[in-house]
Amino acid sequence: NLLLDAILSFLIFSVVVVTIVFLGL
């Protein structure tokens, strides 16, 4: 469960980061 939560959190966070950076650029 911890691994799945970590993987899911990383994917969601990566999408948010990529979205923010691309919009900023």
PDBML (XML) file of the C-alpha atoms, coordinates in Angstrom:
<?xml version="1.0" encoding="UTF-8" ?>
<PDBx:datablock datablockName="MODEL"
   xmlns:PDBx="http://pdbml.pdb.org/schema/pdbx-v50.xsd"
   xmlns:xsi="http://www.w3.org/2001/XMLSchema-instance"
   xsi:schemaLocation="http://pdbml.pdb.org/schema/pdbx-v50.xsd pdbx-v50.xsd">
   <PDBx:atom_siteCategory>
      <PDBx:atom_site id="1">
         <PDBx:B_iso_or_equiv>0.00</PDBx:B_iso_or_equiv>
         <PDBx:Cartn_x>0.000</PDBx:Cartn_x>
         <PDBx:Cartn_y>0.000</PDBx:Cartn_y>
         <PDBx:Cartn_z>0.000</PDBx:Cartn_z>
         <PDBx:auth_asym_id>A</PDBx:auth_asym_id>
         <PDBx:auth_atom_id>CA</PDBx:auth_atom_id>
         <PDBx:auth_comp_id>ASN</PDBx:auth_comp_id>
         <PDBx:auth_seq_id>1</PDBx:auth_seq_id>
         <PDBx:group_PDB>ATOM</PDBx:group_PDB>
         <PDBx:label_alt_id xsi:nil="true" />
         <PDBx:label_asym_id>A</PDBx:label_asym_id>
         <PDBx:label_atom_id>CA</PDBx:label_atom_id>
         <PDBx:label_comp_id>ASN</PDBx:label_comp_id>
         <PDBx:label_entity_id>1</PDBx:label_entity_id>
         <PDBx:label_seq_id>1</PDBx:label_seq_id>
         <PDBx:occupancy>1.00</PDBx:occupancy>
         <PDBx:pdbx_PDB_model_num>1</PDBx:pdbx_PDB_model_num>
         <PDBx:type_symbol>C</PDBx:type_symbol>
      </PDBx:atom_site>
      <PDBx:atom_site id="2">
         <PDBx:B_iso_or_equiv>0.00</PDBx:B_iso_or_equiv>
         <PDBx:Cartn_x>2.828</PDBx:Cartn_x>
         <PDBx:Cartn_y>2.390</PDBx:Cartn_y>
         <PDBx:Cartn_z>0.831</PDBx:Cartn_z>
         <PDBx:auth_asym_id>A</PDBx:auth_asym_id>
         <PDBx:auth_atom_id>CA</PDBx:auth_atom_id>
         <PDBx:auth_comp_id>LEU</PDBx:auth_comp_id>
         <PDBx:auth_seq_id>2</PDBx:auth_seq_id>
         <PDBx:group_PDB>ATOM</PDBx:group_PDB>
         <PDBx:label_alt_id xsi:nil="true" />
         <PDBx:label_asym_id>A</PDBx:label_asym_id>
         <PDBx:label_atom_id>CA</PDBx:label_atom_id>
         <PDBx:label_comp_id>LEU</PDBx:label_comp_id>
         <PDBx:label_entity_id>1</PDBx:label_entity_id>
         <PDBx:label_seq_id>2</PDBx:label_seq_id>
         <PDBx:occupancy>1.00</PDBx:occupancy>
         <PDBx:pdbx_PDB_model_num>1</PDBx:pdbx_PDB_model_num>
         <PDBx:type_symbol>C</PDBx:type_symbol>
      </PDBx:atom_site>
      <PDBx:atom_site id="3">
         <PDBx:B_iso_or_equiv>0.00</PDBx:B_iso_or_equiv>
         <PDBx:Cartn_x>4.517</PDBx:Cartn_x>
         <PDBx:Cartn_y>1.702</PDBx:Cartn_y>
         <PDBx:Cartn_z>-2.506</PDBx:Cartn_z>
         <PDBx:auth_asym_id>A</PDBx:auth_asym_id>
         <PDBx:auth_atom_id>CA</PDBx:auth_atom_id>
         <PDBx:auth_comp_id>LEU</PDBx:auth_comp_id>
         <PDBx:auth_seq_id>3</PDBx:auth_seq_id>
         <PDBx:group_PDB>ATOM</PDBx:group_PDB>
         <PDBx:label_alt_id xsi:nil="true" />
         <PDBx:label_asym_id>A</PDBx:label_asym_id>
         <PDBx:label_atom_id>CA</PDBx:label_atom_id>
         <PDBx:label_comp_id>LEU</PDBx:label_comp_id>
         <PDBx:label_entity_id>1</PDBx:label_entity_id>
         <PDBx:label_seq_id>3</PDBx:label_seq_id>
         <PDBx:occupancy>1.00</PDBx:occupancy>
         <PDBx:pdbx_PDB_model_num>1</PDBx:pdbx_PDB_model_num>
         <PDBx:type_symbol>C</PDBx:type_symbol>
      </PDBx:atom_site>
      <PDBx:atom_site id="4">
         <PDBx:B_iso_or_equiv>0.00</PDBx:B_iso_or_equiv>
         <PDBx:Cartn_x>1.291</PDBx:Cartn_x>
         <PDBx:Cartn_y>2.150</PDBx:Cartn_y>
         <PDBx:Cartn_z>-4.446</PDBx:Cartn_z>
         <PDBx:auth_asym_id>A</PDBx:auth_asym_id>
         <PDBx:auth_atom_id>CA</PDBx:auth_atom_id>
         <PDBx:auth_comp_id>LEU</PDBx:auth_comp_id>
         <PDBx:auth_seq_id>4</PDBx:auth_seq_id>
         <PDBx:group_PDB>ATOM</PDBx:group_PDB>
         <PDBx:label_alt_id xsi:nil="true" />
         <PDBx:label_asym_id>A</PDBx:label_asym_id>
         <PDBx:label_atom_id>CA</PDBx:label_atom_id>
         <PDBx:label_comp_id>LEU</PDBx:label_comp_id>
         <PDBx:label_entity_id>1</PDBx:label_entity_id>
         <PDBx:label_seq_id>4</PDBx:label_seq_id>
         <PDBx:occupancy>1.00</PDBx:occupancy>
         <PDBx:pdbx_PDB_model_num>1</PDBx:pdbx_PDB_model_num>
         <PDBx:type_symbol>C</PDBx:type_symbol>
      </PDBx:atom_site>
      <PDBx:atom_site id="5">
         <PDBx:B_iso_or_equiv>0.00</PDBx:B_iso_or_equiv>
         <PDBx:Cartn_x>0.552</PDBx:Cartn_x>
         <PDBx:Cartn_y>5.403</PDBx:Cartn_y>
         <PDBx:Cartn_z>-2.606</PDBx:Cartn_z>
         <PDBx:auth_asym_id>A</PDBx:auth_asym_id>
         <PDBx:auth_atom_id>CA</PDBx:auth_atom_id>
         <PDBx:auth_comp_id>ASP</PDBx:auth_comp_id>
         <PDBx:auth_seq_id>5</PDBx:auth_seq_id>
         <PDBx:group_PDB>ATOM</PDBx:group_PDB>
         <PDBx:label_alt_id xsi:nil="true" />
         <PDBx:label_asym_id>A</PDBx:label_asym_id>
         <PDBx:label_atom_id>CA</PDBx:label_atom_id>
         <PDBx:label_comp_id>ASP</PDBx:label_comp_id>
         <PDBx:label_entity_id>1</PDBx:label_entity_id>
         <PDBx:label_seq_id>5</PDBx:label_seq_id>
         <PDBx:occupancy>1.00</PDBx:occupancy>
         <PDBx:pdbx_PDB_model_num>1</PDBx:pdbx_PDB_model_num>
         <PDBx:type_symbol>C</PDBx:type_symbol>
      </PDBx:atom_site>
      <PDBx:atom_site id="6">
         <PDBx:B_iso_or_equiv>0.00</PDBx:B_iso_or_equiv>
         <PDBx:Cartn_x>4.067</PDBx:Cartn_x>
         <PDBx:Cartn_y>6.655</PDBx:Cartn_y>
         <PDBx:Cartn_z>-3.290</PDBx:Cartn_z>
         <PDBx:auth_asym_id>A</PDBx:auth_asym_id>
         <PDBx:auth_atom_id>CA</PDBx:auth_atom_id>
         <PDBx:auth_comp_id>ALA</PDBx:auth_comp_id>
         <PDBx:auth_seq_id>6</PDBx:auth_seq_id>
         <PDBx:group_PDB>ATOM</PDBx:group_PDB>
         <PDBx:label_alt_id xsi:nil="true" />
         <PDBx:label_asym_id>A</PDBx:label_asym_id>
         <PDBx:label_atom_id>CA</PDBx:label_atom_id>
         <PDBx:label_comp_id>ALA</PDBx:label_comp_id>
         <PDBx:label_entity_id>1</PDBx:label_entity_id>
         <PDBx:label_seq_id>6</PDBx:label_seq_id>
         <PDBx:occupancy>1.00</PDBx:occupancy>
         <PDBx:pdbx_PDB_model_num>1</PDBx:pdbx_PDB_model_num>
         <PDBx:type_symbol>C</PDBx:type_symbol>
      </PDBx:atom_site>
      <PDBx:atom_site id="7">
         <PDBx:B_iso_or_equiv>0.00</PDBx:B_iso_or_equiv>
         <PDBx:Cartn_x>3.869</PDBx:Cartn_x>
         <PDBx:Cartn_y>5.786</PDBx:Cartn_y>
         <PDBx:Cartn_z>-6.997</PDBx:Cartn_z>
         <PDBx:auth_asym_id>A</PDBx:auth_asym_id>
         <PDBx:auth_atom_id>CA</PDBx:auth_atom_id>
         <PDBx:auth_comp_id>ILE</PDBx:auth_comp_id>
         <PDBx:auth_seq_id>7</PDBx:auth_seq_id>
         <PDBx:group_PDB>ATOM</PDBx:group_PDB>
         <PDBx:label_alt_id xsi:nil="true" />
         <PDBx:label_asym_id>A</PDBx:label_asym_id>
         <PDBx:label_atom_id>CA</PDBx:label_atom_id>
         <PDBx:label_comp_id>ILE</PDBx:label_comp_id>
         <PDBx:label_entity_id>1</PDBx:label_entity_id>
         <PDBx:label_seq_id>7</PDBx:label_seq_id>
         <PDBx:occupancy>1.00</PDBx:occupancy>
         <PDBx:pdbx_PDB_model_num>1</PDBx:pdbx_PDB_model_num>
         <PDBx:type_symbol>C</PDBx:type_symbol>
      </PDBx:atom_site>
      <PDBx:atom_site id="8">
         <PDBx:B_iso_or_equiv>0.00</PDBx:B_iso_or_equiv>
         <PDBx:Cartn_x>0.434</PDBx:Cartn_x>
         <PDBx:Cartn_y>7.371</PDBx:Cartn_y>
         <PDBx:Cartn_z>-7.382</PDBx:Cartn_z>
         <PDBx:auth_asym_id>A</PDBx:auth_asym_id>
         <PDBx:auth_atom_id>CA</PDBx:auth_atom_id>
         <PDBx:auth_comp_id>LEU</PDBx:auth_comp_id>
         <PDBx:auth_seq_id>8</PDBx:auth_seq_id>
         <PDBx:group_PDB>ATOM</PDBx:group_PDB>
         <PDBx:label_alt_id xsi:nil="true" />
         <PDBx:label_asym_id>A</PDBx:label_asym_id>
         <PDBx:label_atom_id>CA</PDBx:label_atom_id>
         <PDBx:label_comp_id>LEU</PDBx:label_comp_id>
         <PDBx:label_entity_id>1</PDBx:label_entity_id>
         <PDBx:label_seq_id>8</PDBx:label_seq_id>
         <PDBx:occupancy>1.00</PDBx:occupancy>
         <PDBx:pdbx_PDB_model_num>1</PDBx:pdbx_PDB_model_num>
         <PDBx:type_symbol>C</PDBx:type_symbol>
      </PDBx:atom_site>
      <PDBx:atom_site id="9">
         <PDBx:B_iso_or_equiv>0.00</PDBx:B_iso_or_equiv>
         <PDBx:Cartn_x>1.520</PDBx:Cartn_x>
         <PDBx:Cartn_y>10.497</PDBx:Cartn_y>
         <PDBx:Cartn_z>-5.500</PDBx:Cartn_z>
         <PDBx:auth_asym_id>A</PDBx:auth_asym_id>
         <PDBx:auth_atom_id>CA</PDBx:auth_atom_id>
         <PDBx:auth_comp_id>SER</PDBx:auth_comp_id>
         <PDBx:auth_seq_id>9</PDBx:auth_seq_id>
         <PDBx:group_PDB>ATOM</PDBx:group_PDB>
         <PDBx:label_alt_id xsi:nil="true" />
         <PDBx:label_asym_id>A</PDBx:label_asym_id>
         <PDBx:label_atom_id>CA</PDBx:label_atom_id>
         <PDBx:label_comp_id>SER</PDBx:label_comp_id>
         <PDBx:label_entity_id>1</PDBx:label_entity_id>
         <PDBx:label_seq_id>9</PDBx:label_seq_id>
         <PDBx:occupancy>1.00</PDBx:occupancy>
         <PDBx:pdbx_PDB_model_num>1</PDBx:pdbx_PDB_model_num>
         <PDBx:type_symbol>C</PDBx:type_symbol>
      </PDBx:atom_site>
      <PDBx:atom_site id="10">
         <PDBx:B_iso_or_equiv>0.00</PDBx:B_iso_or_equiv>
         <PDBx:Cartn_x>4.632</PDBx:Cartn_x>
         <PDBx:Cartn_y>10.788</PDBx:Cartn_y>
         <PDBx:Cartn_z>-7.673</PDBx:Cartn_z>
         <PDBx:auth_asym_id>A</PDBx:auth_asym_id>
         <PDBx:auth_atom_id>CA</PDBx:auth_atom_id>
         <PDBx:auth_comp_id>PHE</PDBx:auth_comp_id>
         <PDBx:auth_seq_id>10</PDBx:auth_seq_id>
         <PDBx:group_PDB>ATOM</PDBx:group_PDB>
         <PDBx:label_alt_id xsi:nil="true" />
         <PDBx:label_asym_id>A</PDBx:label_asym_id>
         <PDBx:label_atom_id>CA</PDBx:label_atom_id>
         <PDBx:label_comp_id>PHE</PDBx:label_comp_id>
         <PDBx:label_entity_id>1</PDBx:label_entity_id>
         <PDBx:label_seq_id>10</PDBx:label_seq_id>
         <PDBx:occupancy>1.00</PDBx:occupancy>
         <PDBx:pdbx_PDB_model_num>1</PDBx:pdbx_PDB_model_num>
         <PDBx:type_symbol>C</PDBx:type_symbol>
      </PDBx:atom_site>
      <PDBx:atom_site id="11">
         <PDBx:B_iso_or_equiv>0.00</PDBx:B_iso_or_equiv>
         <PDBx:Cartn_x>2.618</PDBx:Cartn_x>
         <PDBx:Cartn_y>10.480</PDBx:Cartn_y>
         <PDBx:Cartn_z>-10.894</PDBx:Cartn_z>
         <PDBx:auth_asym_id>A</PDBx:auth_asym_id>
         <PDBx:auth_atom_id>CA</PDBx:auth_atom_id>
         <PDBx:auth_comp_id>LEU</PDBx:auth_comp_id>
         <PDBx:auth_seq_id>11</PDBx:auth_seq_id>
         <PDBx:group_PDB>ATOM</PDBx:group_PDB>
         <PDBx:label_alt_id xsi:nil="true" />
         <PDBx:label_asym_id>A</PDBx:label_asym_id>
         <PDBx:label_atom_id>CA</PDBx:label_atom_id>
         <PDBx:label_comp_id>LEU</PDBx:label_comp_id>
         <PDBx:label_entity_id>1</PDBx:label_entity_id>
         <PDBx:label_seq_id>11</PDBx:label_seq_id>
         <PDBx:occupancy>1.00</PDBx:occupancy>
         <PDBx:pdbx_PDB_model_num>1</PDBx:pdbx_PDB_model_num>
         <PDBx:type_symbol>C</PDBx:type_symbol>
      </PDBx:atom_site>
      <PDBx:atom_site id="12">
         <PDBx:B_iso_or_equiv>0.00</PDBx:B_iso_or_equiv>
         <PDBx:Cartn_x>0.045</PDBx:Cartn_x>
         <PDBx:Cartn_y>13.069</PDBx:Cartn_y>
         <PDBx:Cartn_z>-9.803</PDBx:Cartn_z>
         <PDBx:auth_asym_id>A</PDBx:auth_asym_id>
         <PDBx:auth_atom_id>CA</PDBx:auth_atom_id>
         <PDBx:auth_comp_id>ILE</PDBx:auth_comp_id>
         <PDBx:auth_seq_id>12</PDBx:auth_seq_id>
         <PDBx:group_PDB>ATOM</PDBx:group_PDB>
         <PDBx:label_alt_id xsi:nil="true" />
         <PDBx:label_asym_id>A</PDBx:label_asym_id>
         <PDBx:label_atom_id>CA</PDBx:label_atom_id>
         <PDBx:label_comp_id>ILE</PDBx:label_comp_id>
         <PDBx:label_entity_id>1</PDBx:label_entity_id>
         <PDBx:label_seq_id>12</PDBx:label_seq_id>
         <PDBx:occupancy>1.00</PDBx:occupancy>
         <PDBx:pdbx_PDB_model_num>1</PDBx:pdbx_PDB_model_num>
         <PDBx:type_symbol>C</PDBx:type_symbol>
      </PDBx:atom_site>
      <PDBx:atom_site id="13">
         <PDBx:B_iso_or_equiv>0.00</PDBx:B_iso_or_equiv>
         <PDBx:Cartn_x>2.731</PDBx:Cartn_x>
         <PDBx:Cartn_y>15.437</PDBx:Cartn_y>
         <PDBx:Cartn_z>-8.554</PDBx:Cartn_z>
         <PDBx:auth_asym_id>A</PDBx:auth_asym_id>
         <PDBx:auth_atom_id>CA</PDBx:auth_atom_id>
         <PDBx:auth_comp_id>PHE</PDBx:auth_comp_id>
         <PDBx:auth_seq_id>13</PDBx:auth_seq_id>
         <PDBx:group_PDB>ATOM</PDBx:group_PDB>
         <PDBx:label_alt_id xsi:nil="true" />
         <PDBx:label_asym_id>A</PDBx:label_asym_id>
         <PDBx:label_atom_id>CA</PDBx:label_atom_id>
         <PDBx:label_comp_id>PHE</PDBx:label_comp_id>
         <PDBx:label_entity_id>1</PDBx:label_entity_id>
         <PDBx:label_seq_id>13</PDBx:label_seq_id>
         <PDBx:occupancy>1.00</PDBx:occupancy>
         <PDBx:pdbx_PDB_model_num>1</PDBx:pdbx_PDB_model_num>
         <PDBx:type_symbol>C</PDBx:type_symbol>
      </PDBx:atom_site>
      <PDBx:atom_site id="14">
         <PDBx:B_iso_or_equiv>0.00</PDBx:B_iso_or_equiv>
         <PDBx:Cartn_x>4.730</PDBx:Cartn_x>
         <PDBx:Cartn_y>15.050</PDBx:Cartn_y>
         <PDBx:Cartn_z>-11.763</PDBx:Cartn_z>
         <PDBx:auth_asym_id>A</PDBx:auth_asym_id>
         <PDBx:auth_atom_id>CA</PDBx:auth_atom_id>
         <PDBx:auth_comp_id>SER</PDBx:auth_comp_id>
         <PDBx:auth_seq_id>14</PDBx:auth_seq_id>
         <PDBx:group_PDB>ATOM</PDBx:group_PDB>
         <PDBx:label_alt_id xsi:nil="true" />
         <PDBx:label_asym_id>A</PDBx:label_asym_id>
         <PDBx:label_atom_id>CA</PDBx:label_atom_id>
         <PDBx:label_comp_id>SER</PDBx:label_comp_id>
         <PDBx:label_entity_id>1</PDBx:label_entity_id>
         <PDBx:label_seq_id>14</PDBx:label_seq_id>
         <PDBx:occupancy>1.00</PDBx:occupancy>
         <PDBx:pdbx_PDB_model_num>1</PDBx:pdbx_PDB_model_num>
         <PDBx:type_symbol>C</PDBx:type_symbol>
      </PDBx:atom_site>
      <PDBx:atom_site id="15">
         <PDBx:B_iso_or_equiv>0.00</PDBx:B_iso_or_equiv>
         <PDBx:Cartn_x>1.680</PDBx:Cartn_x>
         <PDBx:Cartn_y>15.919</PDBx:Cartn_y>
         <PDBx:Cartn_z>-13.861</PDBx:Cartn_z>
         <PDBx:auth_asym_id>A</PDBx:auth_asym_id>
         <PDBx:auth_atom_id>CA</PDBx:auth_atom_id>
         <PDBx:auth_comp_id>VAL</PDBx:auth_comp_id>
         <PDBx:auth_seq_id>15</PDBx:auth_seq_id>
         <PDBx:group_PDB>ATOM</PDBx:group_PDB>
         <PDBx:label_alt_id xsi:nil="true" />
         <PDBx:label_asym_id>A</PDBx:label_asym_id>
         <PDBx:label_atom_id>CA</PDBx:label_atom_id>
         <PDBx:label_comp_id>VAL</PDBx:label_comp_id>
         <PDBx:label_entity_id>1</PDBx:label_entity_id>
         <PDBx:label_seq_id>15</PDBx:label_seq_id>
         <PDBx:occupancy>1.00</PDBx:occupancy>
         <PDBx:pdbx_PDB_model_num>1</PDBx:pdbx_PDB_model_num>
         <PDBx:type_symbol>C</PDBx:type_symbol>
      </PDBx:atom_site>
      <PDBx:atom_site id="16">
         <PDBx:B_iso_or_equiv>0.00</PDBx:B_iso_or_equiv>
         <PDBx:Cartn_x>1.078</PDBx:Cartn_x>
         <PDBx:Cartn_y>19.023</PDBx:Cartn_y>
         <PDBx:Cartn_z>-11.720</PDBx:Cartn_z>
         <PDBx:auth_asym_id>A</PDBx:auth_asym_id>
         <PDBx:auth_atom_id>CA</PDBx:auth_atom_id>
         <PDBx:auth_comp_id>VAL</PDBx:auth_comp_id>
         <PDBx:auth_seq_id>16</PDBx:auth_seq_id>
         <PDBx:group_PDB>ATOM</PDBx:group_PDB>
         <PDBx:label_alt_id xsi:nil="true" />
         <PDBx:label_asym_id>A</PDBx:label_asym_id>
         <PDBx:label_atom_id>CA</PDBx:label_atom_id>
         <PDBx:label_comp_id>VAL</PDBx:label_comp_id>
         <PDBx:label_entity_id>1</PDBx:label_entity_id>
         <PDBx:label_seq_id>16</PDBx:label_seq_id>
         <PDBx:occupancy>1.00</PDBx:occupancy>
         <PDBx:pdbx_PDB_model_num>1</PDBx:pdbx_PDB_model_num>
         <PDBx:type_symbol>C</PDBx:type_symbol>
      </PDBx:atom_site>
      <PDBx:atom_site id="17">
         <PDBx:B_iso_or_equiv>0.00</PDBx:B_iso_or_equiv>
         <PDBx:Cartn_x>4.723</PDBx:Cartn_x>
         <PDBx:Cartn_y>20.102</PDBx:Cartn_y>
         <PDBx:Cartn_z>-11.965</PDBx:Cartn_z>
         <PDBx:auth_asym_id>A</PDBx:auth_asym_id>
         <PDBx:auth_atom_id>CA</PDBx:auth_atom_id>
         <PDBx:auth_comp_id>VAL</PDBx:auth_comp_id>
         <PDBx:auth_seq_id>17</PDBx:auth_seq_id>
         <PDBx:group_PDB>ATOM</PDBx:group_PDB>
         <PDBx:label_alt_id xsi:nil="true" />
         <PDBx:label_asym_id>A</PDBx:label_asym_id>
         <PDBx:label_atom_id>CA</PDBx:label_atom_id>
         <PDBx:label_comp_id>VAL</PDBx:label_comp_id>
         <PDBx:label_entity_id>1</PDBx:label_entity_id>
         <PDBx:label_seq_id>17</PDBx:label_seq_id>
         <PDBx:occupancy>1.00</PDBx:occupancy>
         <PDBx:pdbx_PDB_model_num>1</PDBx:pdbx_PDB_model_num>
         <PDBx:type_symbol>C</PDBx:type_symbol>
      </PDBx:atom_site>
      <PDBx:atom_site id="18">
         <PDBx:B_iso_or_equiv>0.00</PDBx:B_iso_or_equiv>
         <PDBx:Cartn_x>4.867</PDBx:Cartn_x>
         <PDBx:Cartn_y>19.569</PDBx:Cartn_y>
         <PDBx:Cartn_z>-15.734</PDBx:Cartn_z>
         <PDBx:auth_asym_id>A</PDBx:auth_asym_id>
         <PDBx:auth_atom_id>CA</PDBx:auth_atom_id>
         <PDBx:auth_comp_id>VAL</PDBx:auth_comp_id>
         <PDBx:auth_seq_id>18</PDBx:auth_seq_id>
         <PDBx:group_PDB>ATOM</PDBx:group_PDB>
         <PDBx:label_alt_id xsi:nil="true" />
         <PDBx:label_asym_id>A</PDBx:label_asym_id>
         <PDBx:label_atom_id>CA</PDBx:label_atom_id>
         <PDBx:label_comp_id>VAL</PDBx:label_comp_id>
         <PDBx:label_entity_id>1</PDBx:label_entity_id>
         <PDBx:label_seq_id>18</PDBx:label_seq_id>
         <PDBx:occupancy>1.00</PDBx:occupancy>
         <PDBx:pdbx_PDB_model_num>1</PDBx:pdbx_PDB_model_num>
         <PDBx:type_symbol>C</PDBx:type_symbol>
      </PDBx:atom_site>
      <PDBx:atom_site id="19">
         <PDBx:B_iso_or_equiv>0.00</PDBx:B_iso_or_equiv>
         <PDBx:Cartn_x>1.590</PDBx:Cartn_x>
         <PDBx:Cartn_y>21.478</PDBx:Cartn_y>
         <PDBx:Cartn_z>-16.211</PDBx:Cartn_z>
         <PDBx:auth_asym_id>A</PDBx:auth_asym_id>
         <PDBx:auth_atom_id>CA</PDBx:auth_atom_id>
         <PDBx:auth_comp_id>THR</PDBx:auth_comp_id>
         <PDBx:auth_seq_id>19</PDBx:auth_seq_id>
         <PDBx:group_PDB>ATOM</PDBx:group_PDB>
         <PDBx:label_alt_id xsi:nil="true" />
         <PDBx:label_asym_id>A</PDBx:label_asym_id>
         <PDBx:label_atom_id>CA</PDBx:label_atom_id>
         <PDBx:label_comp_id>THR</PDBx:label_comp_id>
         <PDBx:label_entity_id>1</PDBx:label_entity_id>
         <PDBx:label_seq_id>19</PDBx:label_seq_id>
         <PDBx:occupancy>1.00</PDBx:occupancy>
         <PDBx:pdbx_PDB_model_num>1</PDBx:pdbx_PDB_model_num>
         <PDBx:type_symbol>C</PDBx:type_symbol>
      </PDBx:atom_site>
      <PDBx:atom_site id="20">
         <PDBx:B_iso_or_equiv>0.00</PDBx:B_iso_or_equiv>
         <PDBx:Cartn_x>2.734</PDBx:Cartn_x>
         <PDBx:Cartn_y>24.443</PDBx:Cartn_y>
         <PDBx:Cartn_z>-14.126</PDBx:Cartn_z>
         <PDBx:auth_asym_id>A</PDBx:auth_asym_id>
         <PDBx:auth_atom_id>CA</PDBx:auth_atom_id>
         <PDBx:auth_comp_id>ILE</PDBx:auth_comp_id>
         <PDBx:auth_seq_id>20</PDBx:auth_seq_id>
         <PDBx:group_PDB>ATOM</PDBx:group_PDB>
         <PDBx:label_alt_id xsi:nil="true" />
         <PDBx:label_asym_id>A</PDBx:label_asym_id>
         <PDBx:label_atom_id>CA</PDBx:label_atom_id>
         <PDBx:label_comp_id>ILE</PDBx:label_comp_id>
         <PDBx:label_entity_id>1</PDBx:label_entity_id>
         <PDBx:label_seq_id>20</PDBx:label_seq_id>
         <PDBx:occupancy>1.00</PDBx:occupancy>
         <PDBx:pdbx_PDB_model_num>1</PDBx:pdbx_PDB_model_num>
         <PDBx:type_symbol>C</PDBx:type_symbol>
      </PDBx:atom_site>
      <PDBx:atom_site id="21">
         <PDBx:B_iso_or_equiv>0.00</PDBx:B_iso_or_equiv>
         <PDBx:Cartn_x>6.141</PDBx:Cartn_x>
         <PDBx:Cartn_y>24.650</PDBx:Cartn_y>
         <PDBx:Cartn_z>-15.807</PDBx:Cartn_z>
         <PDBx:auth_asym_id>A</PDBx:auth_asym_id>
         <PDBx:auth_atom_id>CA</PDBx:auth_atom_id>
         <PDBx:auth_comp_id>VAL</PDBx:auth_comp_id>
         <PDBx:auth_seq_id>21</PDBx:auth_seq_id>
         <PDBx:group_PDB>ATOM</PDBx:group_PDB>
         <PDBx:label_alt_id xsi:nil="true" />
         <PDBx:label_asym_id>A</PDBx:label_asym_id>
         <PDBx:label_atom_id>CA</PDBx:label_atom_id>
         <PDBx:label_comp_id>VAL</PDBx:label_comp_id>
         <PDBx:label_entity_id>1</PDBx:label_entity_id>
         <PDBx:label_seq_id>21</PDBx:label_seq_id>
         <PDBx:occupancy>1.00</PDBx:occupancy>
         <PDBx:pdbx_PDB_model_num>1</PDBx:pdbx_PDB_model_num>
         <PDBx:type_symbol>C</PDBx:type_symbol>
      </PDBx:atom_site>
      <PDBx:atom_site id="22">
         <PDBx:B_iso_or_equiv>0.00</PDBx:B_iso_or_equiv>
         <PDBx:Cartn_x>4.783</PDBx:Cartn_x>
         <PDBx:Cartn_y>24.321</PDBx:Cartn_y>
         <PDBx:Cartn_z>-19.353</PDBx:Cartn_z>
         <PDBx:auth_asym_id>A</PDBx:auth_asym_id>
         <PDBx:auth_atom_id>CA</PDBx:auth_atom_id>
         <PDBx:auth_comp_id>PHE</PDBx:auth_comp_id>
         <PDBx:auth_seq_id>22</PDBx:auth_seq_id>
         <PDBx:group_PDB>ATOM</PDBx:group_PDB>
         <PDBx:label_alt_id xsi:nil="true" />
         <PDBx:label_asym_id>A</PDBx:label_asym_id>
         <PDBx:label_atom_id>CA</PDBx:label_atom_id>
         <PDBx:label_comp_id>PHE</PDBx:label_comp_id>
         <PDBx:label_entity_id>1</PDBx:label_entity_id>
         <PDBx:label_seq_id>22</PDBx:label_seq_id>
         <PDBx:occupancy>1.00</PDBx:occupancy>
         <PDBx:pdbx_PDB_model_num>1</PDBx:pdbx_PDB_model_num>
         <PDBx:type_symbol>C</PDBx:type_symbol>
      </PDBx:atom_site>
      <PDBx:atom_site id="23">
         <PDBx:B_iso_or_equiv>0.00</PDBx:B_iso_or_equiv>
         <PDBx:Cartn_x>2.154</PDBx:Cartn_x>
         <PDBx:Cartn_y>26.986</PDBx:Cartn_y>
         <PDBx:Cartn_z>-18.683</PDBx:Cartn_z>
         <PDBx:auth_asym_id>A</PDBx:auth_asym_id>
         <PDBx:auth_atom_id>CA</PDBx:auth_atom_id>
         <PDBx:auth_comp_id>LEU</PDBx:auth_comp_id>
         <PDBx:auth_seq_id>23</PDBx:auth_seq_id>
         <PDBx:group_PDB>ATOM</PDBx:group_PDB>
         <PDBx:label_alt_id xsi:nil="true" />
         <PDBx:label_asym_id>A</PDBx:label_asym_id>
         <PDBx:label_atom_id>CA</PDBx:label_atom_id>
         <PDBx:label_comp_id>LEU</PDBx:label_comp_id>
         <PDBx:label_entity_id>1</PDBx:label_entity_id>
         <PDBx:label_seq_id>23</PDBx:label_seq_id>
         <PDBx:occupancy>1.00</PDBx:occupancy>
         <PDBx:pdbx_PDB_model_num>1</PDBx:pdbx_PDB_model_num>
         <PDBx:type_symbol>C</PDBx:type_symbol>
      </PDBx:atom_site>
      <PDBx:atom_site id="24">
         <PDBx:B_iso_or_equiv>0.00</PDBx:B_iso_or_equiv>
         <PDBx:Cartn_x>4.850</PDBx:Cartn_x>
         <PDBx:Cartn_y>29.228</PDBx:Cartn_y>
         <PDBx:Cartn_z>-17.229</PDBx:Cartn_z>
         <PDBx:auth_asym_id>A</PDBx:auth_asym_id>
         <PDBx:auth_atom_id>CA</PDBx:auth_atom_id>
         <PDBx:auth_comp_id>GLY</PDBx:auth_comp_id>
         <PDBx:auth_seq_id>24</PDBx:auth_seq_id>
         <PDBx:group_PDB>ATOM</PDBx:group_PDB>
         <PDBx:label_alt_id xsi:nil="true" />
         <PDBx:label_asym_id>A</PDBx:label_asym_id>
         <PDBx:label_atom_id>CA</PDBx:label_atom_id>
         <PDBx:label_comp_id>GLY</PDBx:label_comp_id>
         <PDBx:label_entity_id>1</PDBx:label_entity_id>
         <PDBx:label_seq_id>24</PDBx:label_seq_id>
         <PDBx:occupancy>1.00</PDBx:occupancy>
         <PDBx:pdbx_PDB_model_num>1</PDBx:pdbx_PDB_model_num>
         <PDBx:type_symbol>C</PDBx:type_symbol>
      </PDBx:atom_site>
      <PDBx:atom_site id="25">
         <PDBx:B_iso_or_equiv>0.00</PDBx:B_iso_or_equiv>
         <PDBx:Cartn_x>7.063</PDBx:Cartn_x>
         <PDBx:Cartn_y>28.762</PDBx:Cartn_y>
         <PDBx:Cartn_z>-20.270</PDBx:Cartn_z>
         <PDBx:auth_asym_id>A</PDBx:auth_asym_id>
         <PDBx:auth_atom_id>CA</PDBx:auth_atom_id>
         <PDBx:auth_comp_id>LEU</PDBx:auth_comp_id>
         <PDBx:auth_seq_id>25</PDBx:auth_seq_id>
         <PDBx:group_PDB>ATOM</PDBx:group_PDB>
         <PDBx:label_alt_id xsi:nil="true" />
         <PDBx:label_asym_id>A</PDBx:label_asym_id>
         <PDBx:label_atom_id>CA</PDBx:label_atom_id>
         <PDBx:label_comp_id>LEU</PDBx:label_comp_id>
         <PDBx:label_entity_id>1</PDBx:label_entity_id>
         <PDBx:label_seq_id>25</PDBx:label_seq_id>
         <PDBx:occupancy>1.00</PDBx:occupancy>
         <PDBx:pdbx_PDB_model_num>1</PDBx:pdbx_PDB_model_num>
         <PDBx:type_symbol>C</PDBx:type_symbol>
      </PDBx:atom_site>
   </PDBx:atom_siteCategory>
</PDBx:datablock>
